[in-house]
Amino acid sequence: MPSTSEVGHAKNVANFTDLIAYCNAYGATYNPSHAPLQLAALNTLLTSAQNQLTNVTTAKNAFDTATGNRQLAFQPLRSLATKIFNFVAVTDANEQTIADAKTINNKLQGKRATKPTPPNAGGTEISVSRQSYDMLTENFAALIDLISSIPSYTPNETELTVPSLTAFHANMQTENNNVLNAEVAYSNARIARDTVLYDESTGLVNIASDVKKYVKAIYGATSPQYKQISGIKFTKSKS
């Protein structure tokens, strides 16, 4: 279900369509000298706004797909890390190496040795979700590096071999990067949409307000024409 804010953006565009229809119906009497208020410009702005809404939807779908693919790629990680640690425990690795493997595995399982430090007040907020996946990728790389240093780490199970684990790690990186790229594209699409809809001088909402003022000026505040459009609502809320 679309969020309330997304519905609000779409409603603004839909209402702008209605506004243009009324202005078009006024015929030759709707003849503003200000170019942005002329019908051709209004229709161009409407098309641009519609395209931006579509772009946001497309980017959001791509982001959701990338997020889902990443979740699937990371799903076997904790179980796999536990298998690796259990195998390390039966090699001839020294106690410190085994302890290091356990520490890394604990990190991959989400266990903390200490309580997390609260973020600094007013500091830059980092996406907890993305940071978590970044750390999982980094810690798994550390585990691969560790087992690569153990001569007796020679499993017969294909999924536990260093080449297989390296390939698994590479896929983790790929899917995590895909999410980052999709997130950037989604964010940029929203910025572009907000510019078209809410720019203080050229945005759809501002232009709609000016159109109402023009109709009010040429027909009068109590005219039926102005009453037709005065109730068409436009909101400036962004998300």
C-alpha atoms as a PDB file:
ATOM      1  CA  MET A   1       0.000   0.000   0.000  1.00  0.00           C
ATOM      2  CA  PRO A   2       1.419   3.452  -0.908  1.00  0.00           C
ATOM      3  CA  SER A   3       2.365   5.667   2.010  1.00  0.00           C
ATOM      4  CA  THR A   4       0.232   8.667   2.888  1.00  0.00           C
ATOM      5  CA  SER A   5       2.947  10.980   1.563  1.00  0.00           C
ATOM      6  CA  GLU A   6       3.157   9.158  -1.781  1.00  0.00           C
ATOM      7  CA  VAL A   7      -0.623   9.401  -2.135  1.00  0.00           C
ATOM      8  CA  GLY A   8      -0.287  13.130  -1.399  1.00  0.00           C
ATOM      9  CA  HIS A   9       2.166  13.620  -4.275  1.00  0.00           C
ATOM     10  CA  ALA A  10      -0.122  11.737  -6.653  1.00  0.00           C
ATOM     11  CA  LYS A  11      -3.112  13.746  -5.443  1.00  0.00           C
ATOM     12  CA  ASN A  12      -1.334  17.000  -6.201  1.00  0.00           C
ATOM     13  CA  VAL A  13      -0.700  15.840  -9.755  1.00  0.00           C
ATOM     14  CA  ALA A  14      -4.258  14.584 -10.173  1.00  0.00           C
ATOM     15  CA  ASN A  15      -5.642  17.900  -8.908  1.00  0.00           C
ATOM     16  CA  PHE A  16      -3.357  19.782 -11.284  1.00  0.00           C
ATOM     17  CA  THR A  17      -4.948  17.800 -14.106  1.00  0.00           C
ATOM     18  CA  ASP A  18      -8.363  19.020 -12.938  1.00  0.00           C
ATOM     19  CA  LEU A  19      -7.110  22.597 -12.709  1.00  0.00           C
ATOM     20  CA  ILE A  20      -5.848  22.514 -16.296  1.00  0.00           C
ATOM     21  CA  ALA A  21      -9.164  21.098 -17.493  1.00  0.00           C
ATOM     22  CA  TYR A  22     -11.047  24.065 -16.019  1.00  0.00           C
ATOM     23  CA  CYS A  23      -8.568  26.564 -17.476  1.00  0.00           C
ATOM     24  CA  ASN A  24      -8.869  24.944 -20.872  1.00  0.00           C
ATOM     25  CA  ALA A  25     -12.660  25.171 -20.644  1.00  0.00           C
ATOM     26  CA  TYR A  26     -12.444  28.938 -20.114  1.00  0.00           C
ATOM     27  CA  GLY A  27     -11.372  29.233 -23.738  1.00  0.00           C
ATOM     28  CA  ALA A  28      -9.898  32.454 -25.028  1.00  0.00           C
ATOM     29  CA  THR A  29     -10.621  34.316 -21.785  1.00  0.00           C
ATOM     30  CA  TYR A  30      -7.872  32.320 -20.102  1.00  0.00           C
ATOM     31  CA  ASN A  31      -4.939  34.177 -21.647  1.00  0.00           C
ATOM     32  CA  PRO A  32      -2.218  34.951 -19.082  1.00  0.00           C
ATOM     33  CA  SER A  33       0.778  36.969 -20.211  1.00  0.00           C
ATOM     34  CA  HIS A  34       3.000  35.160 -17.712  1.00  0.00           C
ATOM     35  CA  ALA A  35       4.432  32.259 -19.739  1.00  0.00           C
ATOM     36  CA  PRO A  36       4.482  29.615 -16.938  1.00  0.00           C
ATOM     37  CA  LEU A  37       0.695  30.043 -16.529  1.00  0.00           C
ATOM     38  CA  GLN A  38      -0.131  29.512 -20.182  1.00  0.00           C
ATOM     39  CA  LEU A  39      -1.851  26.254 -21.095  1.00  0.00           C
ATOM     40  CA  ALA A  40       1.070  24.864 -23.085  1.00  0.00           C
ATOM     41  CA  ALA A  41       3.403  25.390 -20.122  1.00  0.00           C
ATOM     42  CA  LEU A  42       0.878  23.905 -17.704  1.00  0.00           C
ATOM     43  CA  ASN A  43       0.562  20.769 -19.806  1.00  0.00           C
ATOM     44  CA  THR A  44       4.333  20.455 -20.080  1.00  0.00           C
ATOM     45  CA  LEU A  45       4.617  20.757 -16.305  1.00  0.00           C
ATOM     46  CA  LEU A  46       1.889  18.140 -15.843  1.00  0.00           C
ATOM     47  CA  THR A  47       3.687  15.673 -18.109  1.00  0.00           C
ATOM     48  CA  SER A  48       6.930  16.262 -16.241  1.00  0.00           C
ATOM     49  CA  ALA A  49       5.237  15.693 -12.887  1.00  0.00           C
ATOM     50  CA  GLN A  50       3.586  12.488 -14.105  1.00  0.00           C
ATOM     51  CA  ASN A  51       6.932  11.223 -15.377  1.00  0.00           C
ATOM     52  CA  GLN A  52       8.589  11.976 -12.052  1.00  0.00           C
ATOM     53  CA  LEU A  53       5.918  10.032 -10.153  1.00  0.00           C
ATOM     54  CA  THR A  54       6.526   7.083 -12.466  1.00  0.00           C
ATOM     55  CA  ASN A  55      10.280   7.368 -11.984  1.00  0.00           C
ATOM     56  CA  VAL A  56       9.883   7.274  -8.206  1.00  0.00           C
ATOM     57  CA  THR A  57       7.664   4.203  -8.398  1.00  0.00           C
ATOM     58  CA  THR A  58      10.145   2.440 -10.684  1.00  0.00           C
ATOM     59  CA  ALA A  59      13.083   3.328  -8.442  1.00  0.00           C
ATOM     60  CA  LYS A  60      11.180   2.222  -5.327  1.00  0.00           C
ATOM     61  CA  ASN A  61      10.372  -1.141  -6.921  1.00  0.00           C
ATOM     62  CA  ALA A  62      14.016  -1.608  -7.906  1.00  0.00           C
ATOM     63  CA  PHE A  63      15.112  -0.751  -4.364  1.00  0.00           C
ATOM     64  CA  ASP A  64      12.635  -3.216  -2.864  1.00  0.00           C
ATOM     65  CA  THR A  65      13.794  -5.939  -5.250  1.00  0.00           C
ATOM     66  CA  ALA A  66      17.455  -5.320  -4.441  1.00  0.00           C
ATOM     67  CA  THR A  67      16.686  -5.362  -0.722  1.00  0.00           C
ATOM     68  CA  GLY A  68      14.892  -8.679  -1.055  1.00  0.00           C
ATOM     69  CA  ASN A  69      17.714 -10.199  -3.099  1.00  0.00           C
ATOM     70  CA  ARG A  70      20.244  -9.103  -0.498  1.00  0.00           C
ATOM     71  CA  GLN A  71      18.202 -10.658   2.278  1.00  0.00           C
ATOM     72  CA  LEU A  72      18.151 -13.969   0.403  1.00  0.00           C
ATOM     73  CA  ALA A  73      21.894 -13.789  -0.271  1.00  0.00           C
ATOM     74  CA  PHE A  74      22.693 -13.204   3.404  1.00  0.00           C
ATOM     75  CA  GLN A  75      20.169 -15.699   4.757  1.00  0.00           C
ATOM     76  CA  PRO A  76      22.582 -18.699   4.949  1.00  0.00           C
ATOM     77  CA  LEU A  77      25.351 -16.629   6.550  1.00  0.00           C
ATOM     78  CA  ARG A  78      24.868 -17.361  10.235  1.00  0.00           C
ATOM     79  CA  SER A  79      24.445 -21.090   9.723  1.00  0.00           C
ATOM     80  CA  LEU A  80      27.453 -21.168   7.412  1.00  0.00           C
ATOM     81  CA  ALA A  81      29.623 -19.238   9.874  1.00  0.00           C
ATOM     82  CA  THR A  82      28.731 -21.695  12.643  1.00  0.00           C
ATOM     83  CA  LYS A  83      29.741 -24.629  10.436  1.00  0.00           C
ATOM     84  CA  ILE A  84      33.057 -22.931   9.690  1.00  0.00           C
ATOM     85  CA  PHE A  85      33.769 -22.335  13.359  1.00  0.00           C
ATOM     86  CA  ASN A  86      32.908 -25.917  14.271  1.00  0.00           C
ATOM     87  CA  PHE A  87      35.301 -27.155  11.615  1.00  0.00           C
ATOM     88  CA  VAL A  88      38.052 -24.801  12.832  1.00  0.00           C
ATOM     89  CA  ALA A  89      37.568 -26.185  16.336  1.00  0.00           C
ATOM     90  CA  VAL A  90      38.615 -29.669  15.184  1.00  0.00           C
ATOM     91  CA  THR A  91      41.685 -28.576  13.250  1.00  0.00           C
ATOM     92  CA  ASP A  92      45.150 -28.284  14.759  1.00  0.00           C
ATOM     93  CA  ALA A  93      44.768 -24.514  15.033  1.00  0.00           C
ATOM     94  CA  ASN A  94      46.099 -23.050  18.270  1.00  0.00           C
ATOM     95  CA  GLU A  95      43.818 -21.840  21.052  1.00  0.00           C
ATOM     96  CA  GLN A  96      44.187 -18.191  20.127  1.00  0.00           C
ATOM     97  CA  THR A  97      43.177 -18.831  16.509  1.00  0.00           C
ATOM     98  CA  ILE A  98      40.144 -20.818  17.633  1.00  0.00           C
ATOM     99  CA  ALA A  99      39.251 -18.021  20.059  1.00  0.00           C
ATOM    100  CA  ASP A 100      39.553 -15.485  17.240  1.00  0.00           C
ATOM    101  CA  ALA A 101      37.294 -17.599  15.051  1.00  0.00           C
ATOM    102  CA  LYS A 102      34.751 -17.763  17.873  1.00  0.00           C
ATOM    103  CA  THR A 103      34.844 -13.984  18.292  1.00  0.00           C
ATOM    104  CA  ILE A 104      34.198 -13.428  14.590  1.00  0.00           C
ATOM    105  CA  ASN A 105      31.425 -16.008  14.578  1.00  0.00           C
ATOM    106  CA  ASN A 106      29.799 -14.294  17.554  1.00  0.00           C
ATOM    107  CA  LYS A 107      29.807 -11.036  15.605  1.00  0.00           C
ATOM    108  CA  LEU A 108      28.210 -12.755  12.631  1.00  0.00           C
ATOM    109  CA  GLN A 109      25.567 -14.254  14.916  1.00  0.00           C
ATOM    110  CA  GLY A 110      24.748 -10.787  16.254  1.00  0.00           C
ATOM    111  CA  LYS A 111      26.232 -11.313  19.696  1.00  0.00           C
ATOM    112  CA  ARG A 112      27.939  -8.319  21.313  1.00  0.00           C
ATOM    113  CA  ALA A 113      30.813  -8.444  23.742  1.00  0.00           C
ATOM    114  CA  THR A 114      29.848  -5.014  25.075  1.00  0.00           C
ATOM    115  CA  LYS A 115      26.857  -2.733  24.898  1.00  0.00           C
ATOM    116  CA  PRO A 116      26.785  -0.484  21.822  1.00  0.00           C
ATOM    117  CA  THR A 117      27.873   3.112  22.312  1.00  0.00           C
ATOM    118  CA  PRO A 118      24.939   5.526  21.918  1.00  0.00           C
ATOM    119  CA  PRO A 119      25.258   7.818  18.875  1.00  0.00           C
ATOM    120  CA  ASN A 120      26.425  11.356  19.518  1.00  0.00           C
ATOM    121  CA  ALA A 121      23.597  13.833  19.814  1.00  0.00           C
ATOM    122  CA  GLY A 122      23.249  15.789  16.592  1.00  0.00           C
ATOM    123  CA  GLY A 123      25.617  13.457  14.758  1.00  0.00           C
ATOM    124  CA  THR A 124      25.042  12.175  11.245  1.00  0.00           C
ATOM    125  CA  GLU A 125      22.562   9.319  11.285  1.00  0.00           C
ATOM    126  CA  ILE A 126      23.759   6.236   9.424  1.00  0.00           C
ATOM    127  CA  SER A 127      21.343   3.661   8.079  1.00  0.00           C
ATOM    128  CA  VAL A 128      21.443   0.943  10.736  1.00  0.00           C
ATOM    129  CA  SER A 129      20.301  -1.650   8.242  1.00  0.00           C
ATOM    130  CA  ARG A 130      22.992  -0.833   5.673  1.00  0.00           C
ATOM    131  CA  GLN A 131      25.667  -0.541   8.345  1.00  0.00           C
ATOM    132  CA  SER A 132      24.680  -3.962   9.659  1.00  0.00           C
ATOM    133  CA  TYR A 133      25.077  -5.589   6.240  1.00  0.00           C
ATOM    134  CA  ASP A 134      28.390  -3.802   5.728  1.00  0.00           C
ATOM    135  CA  MET A 135      29.659  -5.184   9.026  1.00  0.00           C
ATOM    136  CA  LEU A 136      28.472  -8.703   8.236  1.00  0.00           C
ATOM    137  CA  THR A 137      30.335  -8.564   4.934  1.00  0.00           C
ATOM    138  CA  GLU A 138      33.469  -7.246   6.612  1.00  0.00           C
ATOM    139  CA  ASN A 139      33.379  -9.812   9.408  1.00  0.00           C
ATOM    140  CA  PHE A 140      32.844 -12.702   7.012  1.00  0.00           C
ATOM    141  CA  ALA A 141      35.863 -11.533   5.034  1.00  0.00           C
ATOM    142  CA  ALA A 142      37.841 -11.580   8.283  1.00  0.00           C
ATOM    143  CA  LEU A 143      36.709 -15.147   8.944  1.00  0.00           C
ATOM    144  CA  ILE A 144      37.802 -16.253   5.475  1.00  0.00           C
ATOM    145  CA  ASP A 145      41.151 -14.573   6.013  1.00  0.00           C
ATOM    146  CA  LEU A 146      41.547 -16.382   9.326  1.00  0.00           C
ATOM    147  CA  ILE A 147      40.766 -19.878   8.049  1.00  0.00           C
ATOM    148  CA  SER A 148      43.039 -19.301   5.068  1.00  0.00           C
ATOM    149  CA  SER A 149      45.923 -19.088   7.552  1.00  0.00           C
ATOM    150  CA  ILE A 150      45.162 -22.532   9.039  1.00  0.00           C
ATOM    151  CA  PRO A 151      47.065 -25.252   7.093  1.00  0.00           C
ATOM    152  CA  SER A 152      44.805 -28.005   8.423  1.00  0.00           C
ATOM    153  CA  TYR A 153      41.614 -26.251   7.342  1.00  0.00           C
ATOM    154  CA  THR A 154      40.949 -28.606   4.430  1.00  0.00           C
ATOM    155  CA  PRO A 155      37.250 -29.537   4.474  1.00  0.00           C
ATOM    156  CA  ASN A 156      35.840 -32.102   2.064  1.00  0.00           C
ATOM    157  CA  GLU A 157      32.493 -30.296   2.138  1.00  0.00           C
ATOM    158  CA  THR A 158      32.391 -28.021  -0.908  1.00  0.00           C
ATOM    159  CA  GLU A 159      30.429 -25.242   0.780  1.00  0.00           C
ATOM    160  CA  LEU A 160      33.121 -24.916   3.466  1.00  0.00           C
ATOM    161  CA  THR A 161      36.117 -24.664   1.152  1.00  0.00           C
ATOM    162  CA  VAL A 162      37.887 -21.329   0.879  1.00  0.00           C
ATOM    163  CA  PRO A 163      37.053 -20.886  -2.832  1.00  0.00           C
ATOM    164  CA  SER A 164      33.334 -21.492  -2.146  1.00  0.00           C
ATOM    165  CA  LEU A 165      33.357 -19.139   0.823  1.00  0.00           C
ATOM    166  CA  THR A 166      35.172 -16.507  -1.221  1.00  0.00           C
ATOM    167  CA  ALA A 167      32.499 -16.772  -3.921  1.00  0.00           C
ATOM    168  CA  PHE A 168      29.782 -16.510  -1.263  1.00  0.00           C
ATOM    169  CA  HIS A 169      31.452 -13.395   0.116  1.00  0.00           C
ATOM    170  CA  ALA A 170      31.709 -11.864  -3.360  1.00  0.00           C
ATOM    171  CA  ASN A 171      27.974 -12.381  -3.832  1.00  0.00           C
ATOM    172  CA  MET A 172      27.345 -10.709  -0.470  1.00  0.00           C
ATOM    173  CA  GLN A 173      29.302  -7.686  -1.642  1.00  0.00           C
ATOM    174  CA  THR A 174      27.483  -7.598  -4.968  1.00  0.00           C
ATOM    175  CA  GLU A 175      24.017  -7.738  -3.444  1.00  0.00           C
ATOM    176  CA  ASN A 176      24.912  -5.166  -0.795  1.00  0.00           C
ATOM    177  CA  ASN A 177      26.274  -2.810  -3.460  1.00  0.00           C
ATOM    178  CA  ASN A 178      23.135  -3.354  -5.526  1.00  0.00           C
ATOM    179  CA  VAL A 179      21.049  -2.137  -2.602  1.00  0.00           C
ATOM    180  CA  LEU A 180      23.261   0.913  -2.150  1.00  0.00           C
ATOM    181  CA  ASN A 181      23.022   1.803  -5.850  1.00  0.00           C
ATOM    182  CA  ALA A 182      19.247   1.284  -5.837  1.00  0.00           C
ATOM    183  CA  GLU A 183      18.938   3.406  -2.710  1.00  0.00           C
ATOM    184  CA  VAL A 184      20.864   6.249  -4.357  1.00  0.00           C
ATOM    185  CA  ALA A 185      18.700   6.033  -7.481  1.00  0.00           C
ATOM    186  CA  TYR A 186      15.523   6.030  -5.386  1.00  0.00           C
ATOM    187  CA  SER A 187      16.702   9.020  -3.367  1.00  0.00           C
ATOM    188  CA  ASN A 188      17.614  10.957  -6.519  1.00  0.00           C
ATOM    189  CA  ALA A 189      14.237  10.155  -8.080  1.00  0.00           C
ATOM    190  CA  ARG A 190      12.480  11.564  -5.030  1.00  0.00           C
ATOM    191  CA  ILE A 191      14.612  14.716  -5.149  1.00  0.00           C
ATOM    192  CA  ALA A 192      13.770  15.211  -8.825  1.00  0.00           C
ATOM    193  CA  ARG A 193      10.061  14.675  -8.119  1.00  0.00           C
ATOM    194  CA  ASP A 194      10.099  17.161  -5.242  1.00  0.00           C
ATOM    195  CA  THR A 195      11.817  19.742  -7.428  1.00  0.00           C
ATOM    196  CA  VAL A 196       9.122  19.494 -10.094  1.00  0.00           C
ATOM    197  CA  LEU A 197       6.282  19.520  -7.572  1.00  0.00           C
ATOM    198  CA  TYR A 198       7.548  21.844  -4.846  1.00  0.00           C
ATOM    199  CA  ASP A 199      10.186  24.243  -6.151  1.00  0.00           C
ATOM    200  CA  GLU A 200       9.412  27.643  -4.669  1.00  0.00           C
ATOM    201  CA  SER A 201       9.185  29.347  -8.065  1.00  0.00           C
ATOM    202  CA  THR A 202       8.667  26.709 -10.752  1.00  0.00           C
ATOM    203  CA  GLY A 203       7.060  23.862  -8.801  1.00  0.00           C
ATOM    204  CA  LEU A 204       3.608  22.507  -9.641  1.00  0.00           C
ATOM    205  CA  VAL A 205       2.086  23.566  -6.325  1.00  0.00           C
ATOM    206  CA  ASN A 206       3.368  27.120  -6.666  1.00  0.00           C
ATOM    207  CA  ILE A 207       2.199  27.363 -10.271  1.00  0.00           C
ATOM    208  CA  ALA A 208      -1.224  26.040  -9.276  1.00  0.00           C
ATOM    209  CA  SER A 209      -1.500  28.816  -6.693  1.00  0.00           C
ATOM    210  CA  ASP A 210      -0.607  31.418  -9.322  1.00  0.00           C
ATOM    211  CA  VAL A 211      -3.196  30.003 -11.726  1.00  0.00           C
ATOM    212  CA  LYS A 212      -5.863  30.402  -9.059  1.00  0.00           C
ATOM    213  CA  LYS A 213      -4.768  33.988  -8.468  1.00  0.00           C
ATOM    214  CA  TYR A 214      -4.957  34.726 -12.194  1.00  0.00           C
ATOM    215  CA  VAL A 215      -8.455  33.280 -12.504  1.00  0.00           C
ATOM    216  CA  LYS A 216      -9.493  35.255  -9.452  1.00  0.00           C
ATOM    217  CA  ALA A 217      -8.073  38.413 -11.033  1.00  0.00           C
ATOM    218  CA  ILE A 218      -9.841  38.074 -14.379  1.00  0.00           C
ATOM    219  CA  TYR A 219     -13.203  36.740 -13.166  1.00  0.00           C
ATOM    220  CA  GLY A 220     -13.441  38.084  -9.617  1.00  0.00           C
ATOM    221  CA  ALA A 221     -13.368  36.493  -6.182  1.00  0.00           C
ATOM    222  CA  THR A 222     -17.102  35.754  -6.183  1.00  0.00           C
ATOM    223  CA  SER A 223     -17.277  34.476  -9.744  1.00  0.00           C
ATOM    224  CA  PRO A 224     -18.478  30.935 -10.474  1.00  0.00           C
ATOM    225  CA  GLN A 225     -15.266  30.356 -12.403  1.00  0.00           C
ATOM    226  CA  TYR A 226     -13.104  31.076  -9.387  1.00  0.00           C
ATOM    227  CA  LYS A 227     -15.365  28.996  -7.171  1.00  0.00           C
ATOM    228  CA  GLN A 228     -14.798  26.076  -9.539  1.00  0.00           C
ATOM    229  CA  ILE A 229     -11.073  25.996  -8.864  1.00  0.00           C
ATOM    230  CA  SER A 230     -10.616  27.655  -5.486  1.00  0.00           C
ATOM    231  CA  GLY A 231     -11.442  24.440  -3.668  1.00  0.00           C
ATOM    232  CA  ILE A 232      -8.925  22.307  -5.567  1.00  0.00           C
ATOM    233  CA  LYS A 233      -6.356  21.541  -2.899  1.00  0.00           C
ATOM    234  CA  PHE A 234      -2.588  21.342  -3.236  1.00  0.00           C
ATOM    235  CA  THR A 235      -0.252  20.472  -0.366  1.00  0.00           C
ATOM    236  CA  LYS A 236       3.391  21.365   0.051  1.00  0.00           C
ATOM    237  CA  SER A 237       4.343  18.420   2.220  1.00  0.00           C
ATOM    238  CA  LYS A 238       7.421  16.494   1.089  1.00  0.00           C
ATOM    239  CA  SER A 239       8.896  13.064   1.885  1.00  0.00           C
END
